[in-house]
N, C-alpha and C. Protein backbone atom coordinates (compact mmCIF):
# COMPACT_ATOMS: atom_id res chain seq x y z
N MET A 1 -188.11 13.90 106.08
CA MET A 1 -188.53 14.39 107.40
C MET A 1 -188.35 15.91 107.46
N ILE A 2 -189.41 16.62 107.76
CA ILE A 2 -189.35 18.07 107.90
C ILE A 2 -188.80 18.41 109.28
N LYS A 3 -187.77 19.28 109.30
CA LYS A 3 -187.13 19.66 110.55
C LYS A 3 -187.33 21.14 110.89
N ALA A 4 -187.89 21.90 109.94
CA ALA A 4 -188.06 23.33 110.20
C ALA A 4 -189.28 23.87 109.47
N ALA A 5 -189.90 24.88 110.08
CA ALA A 5 -191.00 25.61 109.45
C ALA A 5 -190.54 27.06 109.27
N ILE A 6 -190.67 27.55 108.03
CA ILE A 6 -190.26 28.91 107.70
C ILE A 6 -191.52 29.73 107.40
N PHE A 7 -191.78 30.74 108.20
CA PHE A 7 -192.99 31.54 108.09
C PHE A 7 -192.74 32.86 107.38
N ASP A 8 -193.65 33.20 106.46
CA ASP A 8 -193.75 34.57 105.99
C ASP A 8 -194.38 35.38 107.13
N MET A 9 -194.30 36.70 107.07
CA MET A 9 -194.86 37.52 108.14
C MET A 9 -196.21 38.13 107.76
N ASP A 10 -196.20 39.10 106.85
CA ASP A 10 -197.43 39.80 106.50
C ASP A 10 -198.42 38.87 105.80
N GLY A 11 -199.63 38.80 106.35
CA GLY A 11 -200.66 37.95 105.77
C GLY A 11 -200.63 36.53 106.29
N VAL A 12 -199.57 36.18 107.02
CA VAL A 12 -199.46 34.83 107.59
C VAL A 12 -199.49 34.91 109.12
N ILE A 13 -198.47 35.49 109.71
CA ILE A 13 -198.45 35.64 111.17
C ILE A 13 -199.32 36.81 111.60
N VAL A 14 -199.26 37.89 110.84
CA VAL A 14 -200.07 39.08 111.13
C VAL A 14 -200.95 39.39 109.93
N ASP A 15 -202.22 39.65 110.19
CA ASP A 15 -203.14 39.97 109.10
C ASP A 15 -203.03 41.45 108.78
N SER A 16 -201.88 41.82 108.23
CA SER A 16 -201.53 43.23 108.06
C SER A 16 -201.70 43.76 106.65
N GLU A 17 -202.06 42.90 105.70
CA GLU A 17 -202.16 43.35 104.31
C GLU A 17 -203.11 44.54 104.13
N PRO A 18 -204.27 44.59 104.81
CA PRO A 18 -205.16 45.76 104.64
C PRO A 18 -204.49 47.07 105.03
N MET A 19 -203.62 47.05 106.07
CA MET A 19 -202.94 48.26 106.48
C MET A 19 -201.87 48.67 105.47
N HIS A 20 -201.17 47.68 104.92
CA HIS A 20 -200.18 47.99 103.87
C HIS A 20 -200.86 48.67 102.68
N ILE A 21 -201.99 48.10 102.27
CA ILE A 21 -202.70 48.64 101.11
C ILE A 21 -203.23 50.04 101.40
N GLU A 22 -203.79 50.25 102.59
CA GLU A 22 -204.30 51.56 102.96
C GLU A 22 -203.18 52.60 102.96
N ALA A 23 -202.02 52.23 103.51
CA ALA A 23 -200.89 53.16 103.55
C ALA A 23 -200.41 53.50 102.15
N GLU A 24 -200.33 52.49 101.29
CA GLU A 24 -199.86 52.72 99.92
C GLU A 24 -200.85 53.57 99.12
N LYS A 25 -202.13 53.32 99.29
CA LYS A 25 -203.14 54.12 98.59
C LYS A 25 -203.06 55.58 99.00
N ARG A 26 -202.85 55.83 100.28
CA ARG A 26 -202.78 57.20 100.78
C ARG A 26 -201.58 57.95 100.20
N ILE A 27 -200.41 57.31 100.21
CA ILE A 27 -199.23 58.05 99.74
C ILE A 27 -199.26 58.22 98.22
N LEU A 28 -199.78 57.23 97.49
CA LEU A 28 -199.83 57.37 96.03
C LEU A 28 -200.83 58.44 95.61
N LEU A 29 -201.88 58.61 96.40
CA LEU A 29 -202.87 59.64 96.10
C LEU A 29 -202.24 61.04 96.16
N LYS A 30 -201.22 61.19 97.02
CA LYS A 30 -200.50 62.46 97.11
C LYS A 30 -199.80 62.81 95.80
N TYR A 31 -199.50 61.77 95.02
CA TYR A 31 -198.84 61.96 93.72
C TYR A 31 -199.83 61.89 92.56
N GLY A 32 -201.13 61.95 92.90
CA GLY A 32 -202.16 61.97 91.86
C GLY A 32 -202.53 60.62 91.30
N VAL A 33 -202.12 59.54 91.98
CA VAL A 33 -202.43 58.18 91.50
C VAL A 33 -203.48 57.55 92.41
N GLU A 34 -204.67 57.31 91.84
CA GLU A 34 -205.73 56.62 92.58
C GLU A 34 -205.67 55.15 92.16
N ILE A 35 -205.06 54.35 92.99
CA ILE A 35 -204.77 52.96 92.65
C ILE A 35 -205.72 52.03 93.39
N SER A 36 -206.05 50.91 92.77
CA SER A 36 -206.99 49.96 93.39
C SER A 36 -206.25 48.99 94.30
N ALA A 37 -206.99 48.45 95.26
CA ALA A 37 -206.43 47.44 96.15
C ALA A 37 -206.02 46.20 95.37
N ASP A 38 -206.79 45.87 94.35
CA ASP A 38 -206.46 44.68 93.55
C ASP A 38 -205.12 44.83 92.86
N GLU A 39 -204.84 46.03 92.35
CA GLU A 39 -203.54 46.23 91.70
C GLU A 39 -202.41 46.13 92.72
N LEU A 40 -202.60 46.71 93.89
CA LEU A 40 -201.57 46.66 94.92
C LEU A 40 -201.34 45.23 95.41
N ARG A 41 -202.39 44.41 95.40
CA ARG A 41 -202.24 43.02 95.86
C ARG A 41 -201.39 42.19 94.90
N THR A 42 -201.21 42.64 93.66
CA THR A 42 -200.35 41.90 92.74
C THR A 42 -198.89 41.95 93.20
N TYR A 43 -198.58 42.88 94.10
CA TYR A 43 -197.21 42.99 94.63
C TYR A 43 -197.04 42.24 95.95
N THR A 44 -198.08 41.59 96.42
CA THR A 44 -198.00 40.87 97.70
C THR A 44 -196.88 39.84 97.66
N GLY A 45 -195.98 39.93 98.63
CA GLY A 45 -194.87 38.99 98.71
C GLY A 45 -193.55 39.56 98.25
N THR A 46 -193.58 40.68 97.53
CA THR A 46 -192.34 41.29 97.05
C THR A 46 -191.85 42.35 98.02
N THR A 47 -190.65 42.85 97.81
CA THR A 47 -190.11 43.90 98.69
C THR A 47 -190.69 45.26 98.31
N ALA A 48 -190.66 46.18 99.26
CA ALA A 48 -191.15 47.54 99.00
C ALA A 48 -190.33 48.20 97.90
N GLU A 49 -189.02 47.94 97.88
CA GLU A 49 -188.15 48.53 96.86
C GLU A 49 -188.58 48.10 95.46
N SER A 50 -188.83 46.81 95.31
CA SER A 50 -189.24 46.29 94.00
C SER A 50 -190.60 46.85 93.59
N GLU A 51 -191.54 46.89 94.54
CA GLU A 51 -192.87 47.41 94.26
C GLU A 51 -192.83 48.89 93.87
N PHE A 52 -192.16 49.69 94.68
CA PHE A 52 -192.14 51.14 94.42
C PHE A 52 -191.37 51.49 93.14
N ALA A 53 -190.32 50.76 92.86
CA ALA A 53 -189.58 51.00 91.62
C ALA A 53 -190.48 50.75 90.42
N ASP A 54 -191.30 49.71 90.49
CA ASP A 54 -192.21 49.39 89.40
C ASP A 54 -193.30 50.46 89.27
N LEU A 55 -193.84 50.90 90.41
CA LEU A 55 -194.91 51.90 90.38
C LEU A 55 -194.39 53.25 89.87
N ILE A 56 -193.17 53.60 90.23
CA ILE A 56 -192.58 54.85 89.75
C ILE A 56 -192.45 54.82 88.23
N ARG A 57 -191.99 53.67 87.70
CA ARG A 57 -191.87 53.53 86.24
C ARG A 57 -193.24 53.56 85.57
N LYS A 58 -194.17 52.82 86.15
CA LYS A 58 -195.50 52.66 85.54
C LYS A 58 -196.26 53.97 85.47
N TYR A 59 -196.19 54.76 86.54
CA TYR A 59 -196.99 55.99 86.61
C TYR A 59 -196.17 57.26 86.42
N GLY A 60 -194.88 57.11 86.13
CA GLY A 60 -194.03 58.28 85.90
C GLY A 60 -193.97 59.21 87.09
N LEU A 61 -193.87 58.66 88.28
CA LEU A 61 -193.90 59.47 89.50
C LEU A 61 -192.60 60.26 89.67
N LYS A 62 -192.73 61.50 90.08
CA LYS A 62 -191.58 62.37 90.31
C LYS A 62 -191.15 62.23 91.77
N THR A 63 -190.60 61.09 92.08
CA THR A 63 -190.15 60.82 93.44
C THR A 63 -189.12 59.70 93.39
N THR A 64 -188.70 59.22 94.56
CA THR A 64 -187.72 58.13 94.63
C THR A 64 -188.29 56.96 95.43
N VAL A 65 -187.68 55.81 95.26
CA VAL A 65 -188.09 54.64 96.03
C VAL A 65 -187.92 54.90 97.52
N ASP A 66 -186.79 55.50 97.89
CA ASP A 66 -186.53 55.76 99.31
C ASP A 66 -187.57 56.71 99.91
N ARG A 67 -187.95 57.72 99.16
CA ARG A 67 -188.95 58.67 99.68
C ARG A 67 -190.31 58.00 99.84
N LEU A 68 -190.72 57.22 98.85
CA LEU A 68 -192.00 56.50 98.96
C LEU A 68 -191.98 55.56 100.15
N PHE A 69 -190.86 54.88 100.34
CA PHE A 69 -190.74 53.94 101.46
C PHE A 69 -190.90 54.66 102.79
N ARG A 70 -190.22 55.79 102.95
CA ARG A 70 -190.29 56.53 104.21
C ARG A 70 -191.69 57.09 104.45
N GLU A 71 -192.34 57.55 103.38
CA GLU A 71 -193.71 58.07 103.51
C GLU A 71 -194.68 56.96 103.88
N LYS A 72 -194.52 55.82 103.25
CA LYS A 72 -195.41 54.70 103.58
C LYS A 72 -195.18 54.24 105.02
N GLU A 73 -193.93 54.15 105.42
CA GLU A 73 -193.60 53.67 106.76
C GLU A 73 -194.26 54.52 107.84
N ALA A 74 -194.26 55.83 107.65
CA ALA A 74 -194.86 56.73 108.64
C ALA A 74 -196.36 56.48 108.78
N VAL A 75 -197.03 56.32 107.63
CA VAL A 75 -198.48 56.06 107.65
C VAL A 75 -198.76 54.66 108.22
N LEU A 76 -197.96 53.68 107.79
CA LEU A 76 -198.19 52.29 108.20
C LEU A 76 -198.08 52.10 109.70
N PHE A 77 -197.02 52.64 110.30
CA PHE A 77 -196.85 52.45 111.74
C PHE A 77 -197.95 53.15 112.54
N ASP A 78 -198.47 54.24 112.01
CA ASP A 78 -199.60 54.90 112.66
C ASP A 78 -200.82 53.99 112.64
N LEU A 79 -201.05 53.34 111.51
CA LEU A 79 -202.18 52.41 111.40
C LEU A 79 -201.98 51.19 112.30
N LEU A 80 -200.76 50.67 112.34
CA LEU A 80 -200.49 49.47 113.13
C LEU A 80 -200.60 49.70 114.63
N GLU A 81 -200.30 50.90 115.07
CA GLU A 81 -200.43 51.21 116.50
C GLU A 81 -201.87 51.08 116.95
N ARG A 82 -202.79 51.31 116.04
CA ARG A 82 -204.22 51.20 116.38
C ARG A 82 -204.71 49.75 116.34
N ARG A 83 -204.09 48.95 115.44
CA ARG A 83 -204.59 47.57 115.32
C ARG A 83 -203.51 46.65 114.76
N THR A 84 -202.99 45.79 115.61
CA THR A 84 -202.07 44.74 115.18
C THR A 84 -202.54 43.44 115.81
N GLU A 85 -203.10 42.57 115.00
CA GLU A 85 -203.64 41.31 115.49
C GLU A 85 -202.99 40.13 114.77
N PRO A 86 -202.66 39.07 115.52
CA PRO A 86 -202.15 37.87 114.85
C PRO A 86 -203.27 37.18 114.08
N THR A 87 -202.91 36.47 113.05
CA THR A 87 -203.88 35.66 112.33
C THR A 87 -204.40 34.57 113.27
N LYS A 88 -205.67 34.30 113.20
CA LYS A 88 -206.29 33.33 114.13
C LYS A 88 -205.59 31.98 114.08
N GLY A 89 -205.19 31.53 115.26
CA GLY A 89 -204.60 30.19 115.39
C GLY A 89 -203.12 30.10 115.13
N VAL A 90 -202.50 31.14 114.57
CA VAL A 90 -201.10 31.01 114.16
C VAL A 90 -200.13 30.99 115.34
N ILE A 91 -200.41 31.75 116.39
CA ILE A 91 -199.51 31.76 117.55
C ILE A 91 -199.51 30.39 118.23
N LYS A 92 -200.67 29.81 118.36
CA LYS A 92 -200.76 28.47 118.95
C LYS A 92 -200.01 27.46 118.10
N LEU A 93 -200.13 27.58 116.77
CA LEU A 93 -199.42 26.68 115.86
C LEU A 93 -197.91 26.83 116.02
N ILE A 94 -197.42 28.07 116.05
CA ILE A 94 -195.98 28.32 116.20
C ILE A 94 -195.47 27.69 117.49
N LYS A 95 -196.17 27.89 118.59
CA LYS A 95 -195.74 27.33 119.87
C LYS A 95 -195.81 25.81 119.85
N SER A 96 -196.81 25.25 119.18
CA SER A 96 -196.95 23.80 119.06
C SER A 96 -195.79 23.20 118.29
N LEU A 97 -195.42 23.82 117.16
CA LEU A 97 -194.31 23.31 116.35
C LEU A 97 -193.00 23.40 117.12
N LYS A 98 -192.83 24.46 117.88
CA LYS A 98 -191.62 24.62 118.70
C LYS A 98 -191.55 23.49 119.73
N GLN A 99 -192.67 23.20 120.35
CA GLN A 99 -192.72 22.13 121.35
C GLN A 99 -192.44 20.76 120.75
N GLN A 100 -192.79 20.61 119.47
CA GLN A 100 -192.56 19.35 118.77
C GLN A 100 -191.11 19.18 118.33
N GLY A 101 -190.31 20.22 118.52
CA GLY A 101 -188.89 20.12 118.22
C GLY A 101 -188.46 20.67 116.88
N LEU A 102 -189.36 21.32 116.14
CA LEU A 102 -188.99 21.91 114.86
C LEU A 102 -188.25 23.22 115.07
N LYS A 103 -187.29 23.49 114.19
CA LYS A 103 -186.68 24.81 114.16
C LYS A 103 -187.65 25.75 113.45
N LEU A 104 -187.62 27.02 113.82
CA LEU A 104 -188.54 28.00 113.25
C LEU A 104 -187.77 29.19 112.71
N ALA A 105 -188.25 29.70 111.56
CA ALA A 105 -187.61 30.87 110.95
C ALA A 105 -188.67 31.79 110.37
N ILE A 106 -188.29 33.07 110.26
CA ILE A 106 -189.09 34.06 109.54
C ILE A 106 -188.35 34.36 108.25
N ALA A 107 -189.07 34.41 107.14
CA ALA A 107 -188.50 34.83 105.85
C ALA A 107 -189.48 35.83 105.26
N SER A 108 -189.24 37.10 105.54
CA SER A 108 -190.19 38.14 105.17
C SER A 108 -189.58 39.16 104.22
N SER A 109 -190.37 39.58 103.23
CA SER A 109 -189.94 40.64 102.33
C SER A 109 -190.02 42.01 102.99
N GLY A 110 -190.57 42.04 104.20
CA GLY A 110 -190.65 43.29 104.95
C GLY A 110 -189.29 43.66 105.53
N HIS A 111 -189.14 44.92 105.89
CA HIS A 111 -187.88 45.39 106.47
C HIS A 111 -187.78 45.00 107.94
N ARG A 112 -186.54 44.92 108.42
CA ARG A 112 -186.27 44.41 109.77
C ARG A 112 -187.04 45.18 110.84
N LYS A 113 -187.11 46.50 110.70
CA LYS A 113 -187.81 47.31 111.70
C LYS A 113 -189.26 46.85 111.85
N LEU A 114 -189.93 46.58 110.73
CA LEU A 114 -191.33 46.17 110.77
C LEU A 114 -191.47 44.74 111.29
N VAL A 115 -190.61 43.84 110.83
CA VAL A 115 -190.68 42.45 111.26
C VAL A 115 -190.49 42.34 112.77
N HIS A 116 -189.49 43.03 113.30
CA HIS A 116 -189.24 42.96 114.74
C HIS A 116 -190.33 43.69 115.53
N TYR A 117 -190.92 44.70 114.94
CA TYR A 117 -192.06 45.36 115.57
C TYR A 117 -193.18 44.35 115.82
N PHE A 118 -193.50 43.56 114.79
CA PHE A 118 -194.55 42.55 114.93
C PHE A 118 -194.18 41.48 115.96
N LEU A 119 -192.95 40.99 115.88
CA LEU A 119 -192.52 39.92 116.77
C LEU A 119 -192.54 40.37 118.23
N ARG A 120 -192.10 41.61 118.47
CA ARG A 120 -192.14 42.14 119.84
C ARG A 120 -193.58 42.36 120.29
N LYS A 121 -194.39 42.90 119.41
CA LYS A 121 -195.78 43.19 119.75
C LYS A 121 -196.53 41.90 120.13
N LEU A 122 -196.22 40.81 119.42
CA LEU A 122 -196.89 39.53 119.67
C LEU A 122 -196.15 38.68 120.70
N LYS A 123 -194.99 39.17 121.15
CA LYS A 123 -194.20 38.49 122.19
C LYS A 123 -193.76 37.09 121.77
N ILE A 124 -193.26 36.98 120.53
CA ILE A 124 -192.83 35.68 120.02
C ILE A 124 -191.41 35.71 119.45
N VAL A 125 -190.66 36.77 119.71
CA VAL A 125 -189.30 36.88 119.17
C VAL A 125 -188.46 35.67 119.52
N SER A 126 -188.53 35.23 120.77
CA SER A 126 -187.65 34.16 121.26
C SER A 126 -187.95 32.79 120.64
N LEU A 127 -189.08 32.66 119.96
CA LEU A 127 -189.46 31.36 119.41
C LEU A 127 -188.75 31.07 118.08
N PHE A 128 -188.14 32.08 117.47
CA PHE A 128 -187.56 31.89 116.15
C PHE A 128 -186.03 31.78 116.20
N ASP A 129 -185.53 30.80 115.45
CA ASP A 129 -184.10 30.52 115.40
C ASP A 129 -183.39 31.36 114.34
N SER A 130 -184.13 31.89 113.38
CA SER A 130 -183.56 32.70 112.31
C SER A 130 -184.60 33.68 111.81
N ILE A 131 -184.17 34.90 111.50
CA ILE A 131 -185.05 35.92 110.95
C ILE A 131 -184.36 36.53 109.74
N VAL A 132 -184.95 36.34 108.55
CA VAL A 132 -184.39 36.89 107.32
C VAL A 132 -185.36 37.93 106.79
N CYS A 133 -184.85 39.14 106.53
CA CYS A 133 -185.69 40.26 106.11
C CYS A 133 -185.21 40.82 104.77
N ALA A 134 -185.86 41.88 104.32
CA ALA A 134 -185.53 42.48 103.02
C ALA A 134 -184.08 42.91 102.94
N GLU A 135 -183.53 43.42 104.05
CA GLU A 135 -182.14 43.89 104.04
C GLU A 135 -181.13 42.77 103.82
N ASP A 136 -181.55 41.53 104.03
CA ASP A 136 -180.63 40.39 103.97
C ASP A 136 -180.54 39.75 102.59
N ILE A 137 -181.34 40.24 101.63
CA ILE A 137 -181.36 39.61 100.31
C ILE A 137 -181.12 40.65 99.21
N THR A 138 -180.75 40.16 98.05
CA THR A 138 -180.56 41.04 96.89
C THR A 138 -181.64 40.81 95.84
N ARG A 139 -182.34 39.68 95.94
CA ARG A 139 -183.38 39.35 94.96
C ARG A 139 -184.68 39.02 95.70
N SER A 140 -185.76 39.66 95.30
CA SER A 140 -187.05 39.50 95.96
C SER A 140 -187.77 38.25 95.48
N LYS A 141 -188.73 37.77 96.26
CA LYS A 141 -189.61 36.70 95.81
C LYS A 141 -190.25 37.14 94.49
N PRO A 142 -190.37 36.29 93.48
CA PRO A 142 -190.35 34.82 93.51
C PRO A 142 -188.99 34.17 93.46
N ASP A 143 -187.90 34.92 93.51
CA ASP A 143 -186.59 34.30 93.60
C ASP A 143 -186.50 33.56 94.94
N PRO A 144 -185.89 32.38 94.96
CA PRO A 144 -185.85 31.58 96.19
C PRO A 144 -184.80 32.01 97.21
N GLU A 145 -184.04 33.08 96.92
CA GLU A 145 -182.92 33.47 97.77
C GLU A 145 -183.29 33.55 99.26
N ILE A 146 -184.42 34.17 99.57
CA ILE A 146 -184.77 34.40 100.98
C ILE A 146 -184.98 33.09 101.74
N PHE A 147 -185.57 32.10 101.08
CA PHE A 147 -185.81 30.82 101.74
C PHE A 147 -184.54 29.99 101.84
N LEU A 148 -183.70 30.05 100.82
CA LEU A 148 -182.44 29.34 100.85
C LEU A 148 -181.53 29.90 101.96
N LYS A 149 -181.59 31.21 102.15
CA LYS A 149 -180.80 31.83 103.21
C LYS A 149 -181.32 31.40 104.58
N ALA A 150 -182.64 31.31 104.73
CA ALA A 150 -183.22 30.87 106.00
C ALA A 150 -182.78 29.44 106.32
N ALA A 151 -182.81 28.56 105.32
CA ALA A 151 -182.39 27.17 105.52
C ALA A 151 -180.92 27.10 105.90
N LYS A 152 -180.10 27.90 105.24
CA LYS A 152 -178.66 27.93 105.55
C LYS A 152 -178.43 28.39 106.97
N ASN A 153 -179.18 29.40 107.41
CA ASN A 153 -179.05 29.90 108.78
C ASN A 153 -179.40 28.83 109.81
N LEU A 154 -180.30 27.93 109.41
CA LEU A 154 -180.73 26.85 110.31
C LEU A 154 -179.85 25.60 110.18
N SER A 155 -178.86 25.67 109.27
CA SER A 155 -177.97 24.53 108.98
C SER A 155 -178.75 23.31 108.52
N LEU A 156 -179.75 23.55 107.66
CA LEU A 156 -180.59 22.48 107.14
C LEU A 156 -180.60 22.49 105.62
N ASP A 157 -180.87 21.33 105.06
CA ASP A 157 -181.07 21.22 103.62
C ASP A 157 -182.45 21.78 103.29
N PRO A 158 -182.63 22.41 102.12
CA PRO A 158 -183.96 22.93 101.75
C PRO A 158 -185.07 21.88 101.82
N ALA A 159 -184.75 20.65 101.49
CA ALA A 159 -185.75 19.59 101.50
C ALA A 159 -186.25 19.27 102.91
N GLU A 160 -185.53 19.76 103.92
CA GLU A 160 -185.93 19.52 105.31
C GLU A 160 -186.81 20.64 105.86
N CYS A 161 -187.17 21.59 104.99
CA CYS A 161 -187.93 22.75 105.43
C CYS A 161 -189.30 22.83 104.75
N VAL A 162 -190.28 23.34 105.49
CA VAL A 162 -191.59 23.64 104.92
C VAL A 162 -191.84 25.14 105.10
N VAL A 163 -192.29 25.77 104.04
CA VAL A 163 -192.58 27.20 104.05
C VAL A 163 -194.08 27.41 104.21
N ILE A 164 -194.46 28.41 104.99
CA ILE A 164 -195.87 28.77 105.15
C ILE A 164 -196.05 30.17 104.58
N GLU A 165 -196.80 30.27 103.49
CA GLU A 165 -196.92 31.48 102.70
C GLU A 165 -198.38 31.80 102.37
N ASP A 166 -198.63 33.04 101.92
CA ASP A 166 -199.99 33.44 101.54
C ASP A 166 -200.05 34.06 100.16
N SER A 167 -198.91 34.11 99.45
CA SER A 167 -198.89 34.80 98.17
C SER A 167 -198.39 33.91 97.03
N THR A 168 -198.77 34.27 95.82
CA THR A 168 -198.29 33.58 94.63
C THR A 168 -196.77 33.63 94.56
N LEU A 169 -196.22 34.82 94.76
CA LEU A 169 -194.77 34.99 94.69
C LEU A 169 -194.05 34.16 95.75
N GLY A 170 -194.62 34.11 96.94
CA GLY A 170 -194.01 33.34 98.02
C GLY A 170 -194.05 31.85 97.77
N VAL A 171 -195.18 31.35 97.30
CA VAL A 171 -195.31 29.92 96.99
C VAL A 171 -194.32 29.54 95.89
N THR A 172 -194.24 30.37 94.85
CA THR A 172 -193.31 30.11 93.75
C THR A 172 -191.87 30.06 94.25
N ALA A 173 -191.51 31.00 95.12
CA ALA A 173 -190.16 31.05 95.67
C ALA A 173 -189.86 29.81 96.51
N ALA A 174 -190.82 29.39 97.31
CA ALA A 174 -190.62 28.22 98.17
C ALA A 174 -190.39 26.96 97.34
N LYS A 175 -191.19 26.77 96.31
CA LYS A 175 -191.05 25.58 95.47
C LYS A 175 -189.75 25.63 94.67
N SER A 176 -189.36 26.84 94.23
CA SER A 176 -188.09 27.00 93.51
C SER A 176 -186.90 26.68 94.41
N ALA A 177 -187.09 26.88 95.72
CA ALA A 177 -186.04 26.58 96.68
C ALA A 177 -185.94 25.09 96.99
N GLY A 178 -186.88 24.30 96.47
CA GLY A 178 -186.89 22.87 96.72
C GLY A 178 -187.49 22.50 98.06
N MET A 179 -188.40 23.34 98.54
CA MET A 179 -189.03 23.12 99.84
C MET A 179 -190.49 22.75 99.68
N LYS A 180 -191.03 22.10 100.69
CA LYS A 180 -192.47 21.90 100.77
C LYS A 180 -193.11 23.26 101.08
N CYS A 181 -194.36 23.42 100.69
CA CYS A 181 -195.02 24.70 100.94
C CYS A 181 -196.47 24.49 101.35
N ILE A 182 -196.83 25.11 102.46
CA ILE A 182 -198.22 25.17 102.91
C ILE A 182 -198.70 26.58 102.63
N ALA A 183 -199.75 26.70 101.85
CA ALA A 183 -200.29 28.01 101.49
C ALA A 183 -201.51 28.32 102.35
N PHE A 184 -201.50 29.50 102.94
CA PHE A 184 -202.63 29.97 103.73
C PHE A 184 -203.47 30.92 102.88
N ARG A 185 -204.70 30.55 102.65
CA ARG A 185 -205.58 31.39 101.85
C ARG A 185 -206.19 32.48 102.73
N ASN A 186 -205.58 33.65 102.66
CA ASN A 186 -206.02 34.79 103.45
C ASN A 186 -206.86 35.70 102.56
N PRO A 187 -208.14 35.88 102.86
CA PRO A 187 -209.00 36.73 102.03
C PRO A 187 -208.45 38.14 101.83
N ASN A 188 -207.73 38.65 102.83
CA ASN A 188 -207.18 40.00 102.73
C ASN A 188 -205.95 40.10 101.84
N SER A 189 -205.44 38.96 101.40
CA SER A 189 -204.29 38.96 100.49
C SER A 189 -204.73 38.97 99.03
N GLY A 190 -206.03 38.94 98.79
CA GLY A 190 -206.54 38.99 97.42
C GLY A 190 -206.57 37.64 96.75
N ASN A 191 -206.80 37.65 95.46
CA ASN A 191 -206.93 36.41 94.68
C ASN A 191 -205.57 35.88 94.27
N GLN A 192 -204.87 35.27 95.22
CA GLN A 192 -203.53 34.74 94.97
C GLN A 192 -203.62 33.31 94.40
N ASP A 193 -202.77 33.02 93.44
CA ASP A 193 -202.71 31.67 92.87
C ASP A 193 -201.80 30.83 93.75
N LEU A 194 -202.38 29.93 94.52
CA LEU A 194 -201.64 29.10 95.47
C LEU A 194 -201.54 27.65 95.01
N SER A 195 -201.86 27.42 93.76
CA SER A 195 -202.00 26.05 93.24
C SER A 195 -200.72 25.23 93.27
N LYS A 196 -199.55 25.89 93.31
CA LYS A 196 -198.28 25.15 93.33
C LYS A 196 -197.93 24.63 94.72
N ALA A 197 -198.68 25.04 95.73
CA ALA A 197 -198.38 24.62 97.10
C ALA A 197 -198.70 23.14 97.30
N ASP A 198 -198.04 22.52 98.27
CA ASP A 198 -198.29 21.11 98.58
C ASP A 198 -199.58 20.93 99.37
N LEU A 199 -199.97 21.98 100.08
CA LEU A 199 -201.19 21.95 100.88
C LEU A 199 -201.73 23.37 100.97
N ILE A 200 -203.02 23.53 100.82
CA ILE A 200 -203.67 24.84 100.95
C ILE A 200 -204.65 24.79 102.11
N ILE A 201 -204.54 25.75 103.02
CA ILE A 201 -205.41 25.79 104.20
C ILE A 201 -206.08 27.15 104.29
N ASP A 202 -207.13 27.23 105.09
CA ASP A 202 -207.79 28.51 105.34
C ASP A 202 -207.96 28.78 106.83
N ASP A 203 -207.34 27.91 107.66
CA ASP A 203 -207.49 28.06 109.10
C ASP A 203 -206.30 27.39 109.79
N PHE A 204 -205.48 28.18 110.48
CA PHE A 204 -204.31 27.63 111.17
C PHE A 204 -204.69 26.71 112.32
N ARG A 205 -205.87 26.88 112.85
CA ARG A 205 -206.30 26.02 113.94
C ARG A 205 -206.48 24.58 113.45
N LYS A 206 -206.94 24.42 112.23
CA LYS A 206 -207.08 23.08 111.64
C LYS A 206 -205.71 22.48 111.34
N LEU A 207 -204.78 23.32 110.89
CA LEU A 207 -203.44 22.82 110.57
C LEU A 207 -202.75 22.31 111.82
N ASP A 208 -202.92 23.01 112.94
CA ASP A 208 -202.31 22.57 114.19
C ASP A 208 -202.81 21.17 114.55
N THR A 209 -204.10 20.95 114.39
CA THR A 209 -204.68 19.64 114.69
C THR A 209 -204.15 18.58 113.73
N GLN A 210 -204.09 18.93 112.43
CA GLN A 210 -203.59 18.00 111.42
C GLN A 210 -202.14 17.62 111.70
N TRP A 211 -201.32 18.61 112.02
CA TRP A 211 -199.89 18.37 112.24
C TRP A 211 -199.67 17.46 113.43
N ARG A 212 -200.44 17.67 114.49
CA ARG A 212 -200.31 16.83 115.68
C ARG A 212 -200.71 15.38 115.39
N ALA A 213 -201.66 15.21 114.46
CA ALA A 213 -202.14 13.88 114.14
C ALA A 213 -201.18 13.11 113.25
N MET A 214 -200.28 13.84 112.55
CA MET A 214 -199.33 13.20 111.67
C MET A 214 -198.04 12.88 112.39
N LYS A 215 -197.19 12.08 111.75
CA LYS A 215 -195.88 11.80 112.28
C LYS A 215 -195.10 13.10 112.41
N LEU A 216 -194.32 13.25 113.47
CA LEU A 216 -193.57 14.46 113.72
C LEU A 216 -192.81 14.92 112.49
N GLY A 217 -193.08 16.16 112.09
CA GLY A 217 -192.32 16.76 111.02
C GLY A 217 -192.77 16.44 109.62
N SER A 218 -193.76 15.56 109.44
CA SER A 218 -194.19 15.24 108.07
C SER A 218 -195.22 16.22 107.59
N VAL A 219 -195.33 16.36 106.29
CA VAL A 219 -196.31 17.27 105.71
C VAL A 219 -197.03 16.53 104.59
């Protein structure tokens, strides 16, 4: 019996991947690196620290992870102020699951400032029983640490949780944690391998209908 749903943030609750990519392309161009969106999408699901450390090594950038992070953050929040939209159907799904009695958690590789920005903007902070962000973990997805911590915060066994993810790294982490996983195929997240998920969807509105039709908490 599933007792909790654990949501990723970027690409799942908020269709924010295009803004992340645009911000990263802009700051890397300042260092003479013209990088493709496809290459940046290979980092979808990981922390900014892990991504920037790899890019610094790969391109020999004369900068630091902290500096890249701060530069990206400034550009990203400027972009988000102009457009922050929830993924179609996801807010209704979250409220429906809450009404059905499931515990809800966020497990995001994003930093707390960004995660809470989204939750406040969408007015859904109060719906979540636990929020785990990049600052709360030492190992990034595909390591299962973030999901195991979310389950522990909810006082639940991993087998009682279902993760909703949009990335290869996230799906891998969820399955490694011993959890069920619903993968959302978001076109803006690129060509992610979601084959390890228990269920793959392309519309949260359909999932809400499916979940209501099934026994409470089953997947």
